[in-house]
Amino acid sequence: MEDQDYTDISGRTISLECQNHSGFCREFTVSSPKVSIGKVMVYTCSVWLAAYTVFFFTQNTAVLSCAILVTLVGMMLHIHFVKVDHESVLIIGSVGIQVSSSYASGRETSTFIEMSRVKDIAINEAVYMHQIIYYLCILLKDPSTPDGVSRVVPLFQSSKPRLNCLVKVYKSCQEILSTC
């Protein structure tokens, strides 16, 4: 088991954990930093300060109640649907690939792709905001054409690791795919 620190496309530290379960089974987990209490406090104070300003001029207490409700609901939705703690890819030669995401609330999502549907794993590039980023993806075979690709499944969508991290995962995945 190896654990290394890398950075994402925004420069924040992420960690890559590589587990070698056997010669044909490896798991890669990219972990993002936990929710910053400082950030939460800044957003909360900003919303409540704006609500208090509106309350000061209108003297309507419903504004303060709505601000508290919006803040709490917003934080719960962010933690349950947006904030991903870690993403993992489990590749098992001749069986398939499992892609999982664990959210800050404890919710987990998993997708399994049979190896018979996998054409290849590749590093692709995309334009994101004002920069070009790289991402790891699974190319799925097109049943109608033997050399075609029916779909591209991006990996590590939330953590967005930089190229040096992706290359390490890519090389290890290619080792397993070459034995299938």
C-alpha atoms as a PDB file:
ATOM      1  CA  MET A   1       0.000   0.000   0.000  1.00  0.00           C
ATOM      2  CA  GLU A   2       1.377   3.395  -1.040  1.00  0.00           C
ATOM      3  CA  ASP A   3       0.082   6.811  -0.049  1.00  0.00           C
ATOM      4  CA  GLN A   4       1.366   9.922  -1.815  1.00  0.00           C
ATOM      5  CA  ASP A   5       0.382  13.570  -1.787  1.00  0.00           C
ATOM      6  CA  TYR A   6      -0.421  15.343  -5.035  1.00  0.00           C
ATOM      7  CA  THR A   7      -2.326  18.490  -5.960  1.00  0.00           C
ATOM      8  CA  ASP A   8      -5.557  19.023  -7.857  1.00  0.00           C
ATOM      9  CA  ILE A   9      -6.018  21.484 -10.723  1.00  0.00           C
ATOM     10  CA  SER A  10      -6.633  24.288  -8.196  1.00  0.00           C
ATOM     11  CA  GLY A  11      -3.416  23.589  -6.269  1.00  0.00           C
ATOM     12  CA  ARG A  12      -5.088  22.016  -3.215  1.00  0.00           C
ATOM     13  CA  THR A  13      -3.412  18.967  -1.702  1.00  0.00           C
ATOM     14  CA  ILE A  14      -5.005  15.587  -2.411  1.00  0.00           C
ATOM     15  CA  SER A  15      -3.697  12.135  -1.591  1.00  0.00           C
ATOM     16  CA  LEU A  16      -3.472   9.050  -3.779  1.00  0.00           C
ATOM     17  CA  GLU A  17      -3.575   5.682  -2.071  1.00  0.00           C
ATOM     18  CA  CYS A  18      -2.619   2.657  -4.159  1.00  0.00           C
ATOM     19  CA  GLN A  19      -3.498  -0.815  -2.884  1.00  0.00           C
ATOM     20  CA  ASN A  20      -2.166  -3.881  -4.635  1.00  0.00           C
ATOM     21  CA  HIS A  21      -4.652  -6.619  -3.702  1.00  0.00           C
ATOM     22  CA  SER A  22      -3.017  -9.116  -6.074  1.00  0.00           C
ATOM     23  CA  GLY A  23      -1.189  -9.188  -9.394  1.00  0.00           C
ATOM     24  CA  PHE A  24      -4.383  -8.528 -11.326  1.00  0.00           C
ATOM     25  CA  CYS A  25      -6.353  -6.459  -8.793  1.00  0.00           C
ATOM     26  CA  ARG A  26      -5.501  -2.887  -7.769  1.00  0.00           C
ATOM     27  CA  GLU A  27      -7.396  -0.099  -6.076  1.00  0.00           C
ATOM     28  CA  PHE A  28      -6.683   3.621  -6.372  1.00  0.00           C
ATOM     29  CA  THR A  29      -8.260   6.082  -3.952  1.00  0.00           C
ATOM     30  CA  VAL A  30      -7.985   9.857  -4.298  1.00  0.00           C
ATOM     31  CA  SER A  31      -8.902  11.702  -1.106  1.00  0.00           C
ATOM     32  CA  SER A  32      -9.773  15.389  -0.935  1.00  0.00           C
ATOM     33  CA  PRO A  33      -9.340  17.590   2.136  1.00  0.00           C
ATOM     34  CA  LYS A  34     -12.208  17.748   4.623  1.00  0.00           C
ATOM     35  CA  VAL A  35     -14.661  20.652   4.691  1.00  0.00           C
ATOM     36  CA  SER A  36     -12.905  23.730   6.087  1.00  0.00           C
ATOM     37  CA  ILE A  37     -14.628  25.130   9.174  1.00  0.00           C
ATOM     38  CA  GLY A  38     -13.231  28.564   8.287  1.00  0.00           C
ATOM     39  CA  LYS A  39     -14.935  28.510   4.880  1.00  0.00           C
ATOM     40  CA  VAL A  40     -18.217  27.428   6.435  1.00  0.00           C
ATOM     41  CA  MET A  41     -17.997  30.274   8.958  1.00  0.00           C
ATOM     42  CA  VAL A  42     -17.291  32.858   6.221  1.00  0.00           C
ATOM     43  CA  TYR A  43     -20.269  31.738   4.101  1.00  0.00           C
ATOM     44  CA  THR A  44     -22.573  31.567   7.120  1.00  0.00           C
ATOM     45  CA  CYS A  45     -21.530  34.984   8.404  1.00  0.00           C
ATOM     46  CA  SER A  46     -21.928  36.517   4.942  1.00  0.00           C
ATOM     47  CA  VAL A  47     -25.492  35.216   4.543  1.00  0.00           C
ATOM     48  CA  TRP A  48     -26.449  36.224   8.079  1.00  0.00           C
ATOM     49  CA  LEU A  49     -24.870  39.680   7.740  1.00  0.00           C
ATOM     50  CA  ALA A  50     -26.817  40.292   4.521  1.00  0.00           C
ATOM     51  CA  ALA A  51     -30.001  39.077   6.236  1.00  0.00           C
ATOM     52  CA  TYR A  52     -29.402  41.312   9.238  1.00  0.00           C
ATOM     53  CA  THR A  53     -28.864  44.299   6.918  1.00  0.00           C
ATOM     54  CA  VAL A  54     -32.218  43.608   5.249  1.00  0.00           C
ATOM     55  CA  PHE A  55     -33.817  43.101   8.686  1.00  0.00           C
ATOM     56  CA  PHE A  56     -32.386  46.420   9.919  1.00  0.00           C
ATOM     57  CA  PHE A  57     -34.194  48.326   7.158  1.00  0.00           C
ATOM     58  CA  THR A  58     -37.426  46.287   7.014  1.00  0.00           C
ATOM     59  CA  GLN A  59     -37.822  45.163  10.662  1.00  0.00           C
ATOM     60  CA  ASN A  60     -39.200  41.864   9.344  1.00  0.00           C
ATOM     61  CA  THR A  61     -38.058  38.901  11.470  1.00  0.00           C
ATOM     62  CA  ALA A  62     -38.968  36.441   8.719  1.00  0.00           C
ATOM     63  CA  VAL A  63     -35.815  37.562   6.884  1.00  0.00           C
ATOM     64  CA  LEU A  64     -33.614  36.299   9.733  1.00  0.00           C
ATOM     65  CA  SER A  65     -35.524  33.027   9.964  1.00  0.00           C
ATOM     66  CA  CYS A  66     -35.193  32.485   6.209  1.00  0.00           C
ATOM     67  CA  ALA A  67     -31.449  33.207   6.360  1.00  0.00           C
ATOM     68  CA  ILE A  68     -30.944  30.572   9.051  1.00  0.00           C
ATOM     69  CA  LEU A  69     -33.074  28.057   7.161  1.00  0.00           C
ATOM     70  CA  VAL A  70     -31.321  28.722   3.829  1.00  0.00           C
ATOM     71  CA  THR A  71     -27.894  28.363   5.458  1.00  0.00           C
ATOM     72  CA  LEU A  72     -28.733  25.070   7.156  1.00  0.00           C
ATOM     73  CA  VAL A  73     -30.424  23.549   4.100  1.00  0.00           C
ATOM     74  CA  GLY A  74     -27.595  24.758   1.857  1.00  0.00           C
ATOM     75  CA  MET A  75     -24.947  23.161   4.074  1.00  0.00           C
ATOM     76  CA  MET A  76     -26.842  19.874   4.255  1.00  0.00           C
ATOM     77  CA  LEU A  77     -27.315  19.731   0.477  1.00  0.00           C
ATOM     78  CA  HIS A  78     -23.658  20.602  -0.124  1.00  0.00           C
ATOM     79  CA  ILE A  79     -22.429  17.880   2.239  1.00  0.00           C
ATOM     80  CA  HIS A  80     -24.838  15.253   0.882  1.00  0.00           C
ATOM     81  CA  PHE A  81     -24.667  15.887  -2.874  1.00  0.00           C
ATOM     82  CA  VAL A  82     -21.552  17.945  -3.673  1.00  0.00           C
ATOM     83  CA  LYS A  83     -18.644  17.437  -1.261  1.00  0.00           C
ATOM     84  CA  VAL A  84     -16.856  14.211  -2.180  1.00  0.00           C
ATOM     85  CA  ASP A  85     -14.406  12.932   0.463  1.00  0.00           C
ATOM     86  CA  HIS A  86     -12.778  10.306  -1.722  1.00  0.00           C
ATOM     87  CA  GLU A  87     -13.115   8.621  -5.078  1.00  0.00           C
ATOM     88  CA  SER A  88     -11.814   5.164  -5.855  1.00  0.00           C
ATOM     89  CA  VAL A  89     -11.237   2.944  -8.857  1.00  0.00           C
ATOM     90  CA  LEU A  90     -10.945  -0.808  -8.336  1.00  0.00           C
ATOM     91  CA  ILE A  91      -9.680  -2.642 -11.396  1.00  0.00           C
ATOM     92  CA  ILE A  92      -9.849  -6.420 -11.479  1.00  0.00           C
ATOM     93  CA  GLY A  93      -8.310  -8.011 -14.552  1.00  0.00           C
ATOM     94  CA  SER A  94     -10.754 -10.024 -16.699  1.00  0.00           C
ATOM     95  CA  VAL A  95     -13.675  -9.102 -14.361  1.00  0.00           C
ATOM     96  CA  GLY A  96     -14.215  -5.349 -14.514  1.00  0.00           C
ATOM     97  CA  ILE A  97     -13.759  -1.896 -13.069  1.00  0.00           C
ATOM     98  CA  GLN A  98     -15.662  -0.447 -10.109  1.00  0.00           C
ATOM     99  CA  VAL A  99     -15.818   3.333  -9.743  1.00  0.00           C
ATOM    100  CA  SER A 100     -16.937   4.639  -6.321  1.00  0.00           C
ATOM    101  CA  SER A 101     -17.461   8.023  -4.674  1.00  0.00           C
ATOM    102  CA  SER A 102     -17.925   8.684  -0.955  1.00  0.00           C
ATOM    103  CA  TYR A 103     -19.569  11.940   0.065  1.00  0.00           C
ATOM    104  CA  ALA A 104     -19.015  13.931   3.263  1.00  0.00           C
ATOM    105  CA  SER A 105     -22.430  12.848   4.571  1.00  0.00           C
ATOM    106  CA  GLY A 106     -21.470   9.168   4.328  1.00  0.00           C
ATOM    107  CA  ARG A 107     -23.461   8.540   1.136  1.00  0.00           C
ATOM    108  CA  GLU A 108     -21.676   6.341  -1.397  1.00  0.00           C
ATOM    109  CA  THR A 109     -22.222   5.721  -5.089  1.00  0.00           C
ATOM    110  CA  SER A 110     -20.694   2.875  -7.101  1.00  0.00           C
ATOM    111  CA  THR A 111     -20.700   1.892 -10.732  1.00  0.00           C
ATOM    112  CA  PHE A 112     -19.401  -1.381 -12.125  1.00  0.00           C
ATOM    113  CA  ILE A 113     -18.224  -1.770 -15.711  1.00  0.00           C
ATOM    114  CA  GLU A 114     -17.633  -5.283 -17.052  1.00  0.00           C
ATOM    115  CA  MET A 115     -14.223  -5.823 -18.628  1.00  0.00           C
ATOM    116  CA  SER A 116     -15.891  -7.106 -21.816  1.00  0.00           C
ATOM    117  CA  ARG A 117     -17.274  -3.570 -22.342  1.00  0.00           C
ATOM    118  CA  VAL A 118     -13.917  -1.812 -21.725  1.00  0.00           C
ATOM    119  CA  LYS A 119     -11.929  -0.890 -24.796  1.00  0.00           C
ATOM    120  CA  ASP A 120      -9.135   0.980 -23.009  1.00  0.00           C
ATOM    121  CA  ILE A 121      -8.251   3.449 -20.273  1.00  0.00           C
ATOM    122  CA  ALA A 122      -6.810   6.741 -21.497  1.00  0.00           C
ATOM    123  CA  ILE A 123      -5.699  10.158 -20.342  1.00  0.00           C
ATOM    124  CA  ASN A 124      -7.692  12.778 -22.193  1.00  0.00           C
ATOM    125  CA  GLU A 125      -7.537  16.557 -22.191  1.00  0.00           C
ATOM    126  CA  ALA A 126     -10.339  19.067 -21.910  1.00  0.00           C
ATOM    127  CA  VAL A 127     -10.859  22.803 -21.694  1.00  0.00           C
ATOM    128  CA  TYR A 128     -12.016  23.702 -18.178  1.00  0.00           C
ATOM    129  CA  MET A 129     -12.737  27.361 -17.480  1.00  0.00           C
ATOM    130  CA  HIS A 130      -9.647  29.084 -18.934  1.00  0.00           C
ATOM    131  CA  GLN A 131      -7.189  26.204 -18.803  1.00  0.00           C
ATOM    132  CA  ILE A 132      -6.550  22.817 -20.320  1.00  0.00           C
ATOM    133  CA  ILE A 133      -6.827  19.955 -17.847  1.00  0.00           C
ATOM    134  CA  TYR A 134      -6.162  16.245 -18.110  1.00  0.00           C
ATOM    135  CA  TYR A 135      -8.490  13.527 -16.902  1.00  0.00           C
ATOM    136  CA  LEU A 136      -8.414   9.760 -16.776  1.00  0.00           C
ATOM    137  CA  CYS A 137     -11.251   8.006 -18.572  1.00  0.00           C
ATOM    138  CA  ILE A 138     -12.529   4.586 -19.493  1.00  0.00           C
ATOM    139  CA  LEU A 139     -13.344   4.077 -23.169  1.00  0.00           C
ATOM    140  CA  LEU A 140     -16.278   1.715 -23.659  1.00  0.00           C
ATOM    141  CA  LYS A 141     -16.587  -0.463 -26.758  1.00  0.00           C
ATOM    142  CA  ASP A 142     -19.244   0.291 -29.317  1.00  0.00           C
ATOM    143  CA  PRO A 143     -21.159  -2.934 -30.025  1.00  0.00           C
ATOM    144  CA  SER A 144     -22.052  -1.843 -33.573  1.00  0.00           C
ATOM    145  CA  THR A 145     -18.500  -1.079 -34.734  1.00  0.00           C
ATOM    146  CA  PRO A 146     -15.498  -3.114 -33.540  1.00  0.00           C
ATOM    147  CA  ASP A 147     -13.030  -0.202 -33.466  1.00  0.00           C
ATOM    148  CA  GLY A 148     -15.491   2.417 -32.237  1.00  0.00           C
ATOM    149  CA  VAL A 149     -15.997   3.934 -28.814  1.00  0.00           C
ATOM    150  CA  SER A 150     -19.579   4.175 -27.587  1.00  0.00           C
ATOM    151  CA  ARG A 151     -18.978   6.177 -24.422  1.00  0.00           C
ATOM    152  CA  VAL A 152     -16.272   7.860 -22.382  1.00  0.00           C
ATOM    153  CA  VAL A 153     -16.524   7.456 -18.588  1.00  0.00           C
ATOM    154  CA  PRO A 154     -14.396  10.069 -16.763  1.00  0.00           C
ATOM    155  CA  LEU A 155     -12.722   9.083 -13.491  1.00  0.00           C
ATOM    156  CA  PHE A 156     -11.935  11.254 -10.448  1.00  0.00           C
ATOM    157  CA  GLN A 157     -14.398  13.952 -11.535  1.00  0.00           C
ATOM    158  CA  SER A 158     -14.617  15.678  -8.172  1.00  0.00           C
ATOM    159  CA  SER A 159     -10.988  15.596  -7.091  1.00  0.00           C
ATOM    160  CA  LYS A 160      -9.577  16.569 -10.510  1.00  0.00           C
ATOM    161  CA  PRO A 161      -5.958  15.427  -9.923  1.00  0.00           C
ATOM    162  CA  ARG A 162      -3.099  16.833 -11.975  1.00  0.00           C
ATOM    163  CA  LEU A 163      -1.333  14.927 -14.744  1.00  0.00           C
ATOM    164  CA  ASN A 164       1.461  13.449 -12.575  1.00  0.00           C
ATOM    165  CA  CYS A 165      -1.123  11.663 -10.404  1.00  0.00           C
ATOM    166  CA  LEU A 166      -3.115  10.481 -13.432  1.00  0.00           C
ATOM    167  CA  VAL A 167      -0.013   9.050 -15.117  1.00  0.00           C
ATOM    168  CA  LYS A 168       0.735   6.879 -12.081  1.00  0.00           C
ATOM    169  CA  VAL A 169      -2.814   5.450 -12.076  1.00  0.00           C
ATOM    170  CA  TYR A 170      -2.811   5.098 -15.875  1.00  0.00           C
ATOM    171  CA  LYS A 171       0.423   3.078 -15.997  1.00  0.00           C
ATOM    172  CA  SER A 172      -0.765   0.739 -13.269  1.00  0.00           C
ATOM    173  CA  CYS A 173      -4.135   0.217 -14.983  1.00  0.00           C
ATOM    174  CA  GLN A 174      -2.415  -0.500 -18.303  1.00  0.00           C
ATOM    175  CA  GLU A 175      -0.338  -3.223 -16.625  1.00  0.00           C
ATOM    176  CA  ILE A 176      -3.525  -4.987 -15.594  1.00  0.00           C
ATOM    177  CA  LEU A 177      -5.319  -4.411 -18.922  1.00  0.00           C
ATOM    178  CA  SER A 178      -2.357  -5.879 -20.832  1.00  0.00           C
ATOM    179  CA  THR A 179      -2.763  -9.181 -18.981  1.00  0.00           C
ATOM    180  CA  CYS A 180      -6.463  -9.502 -19.894  1.00  0.00           C
END
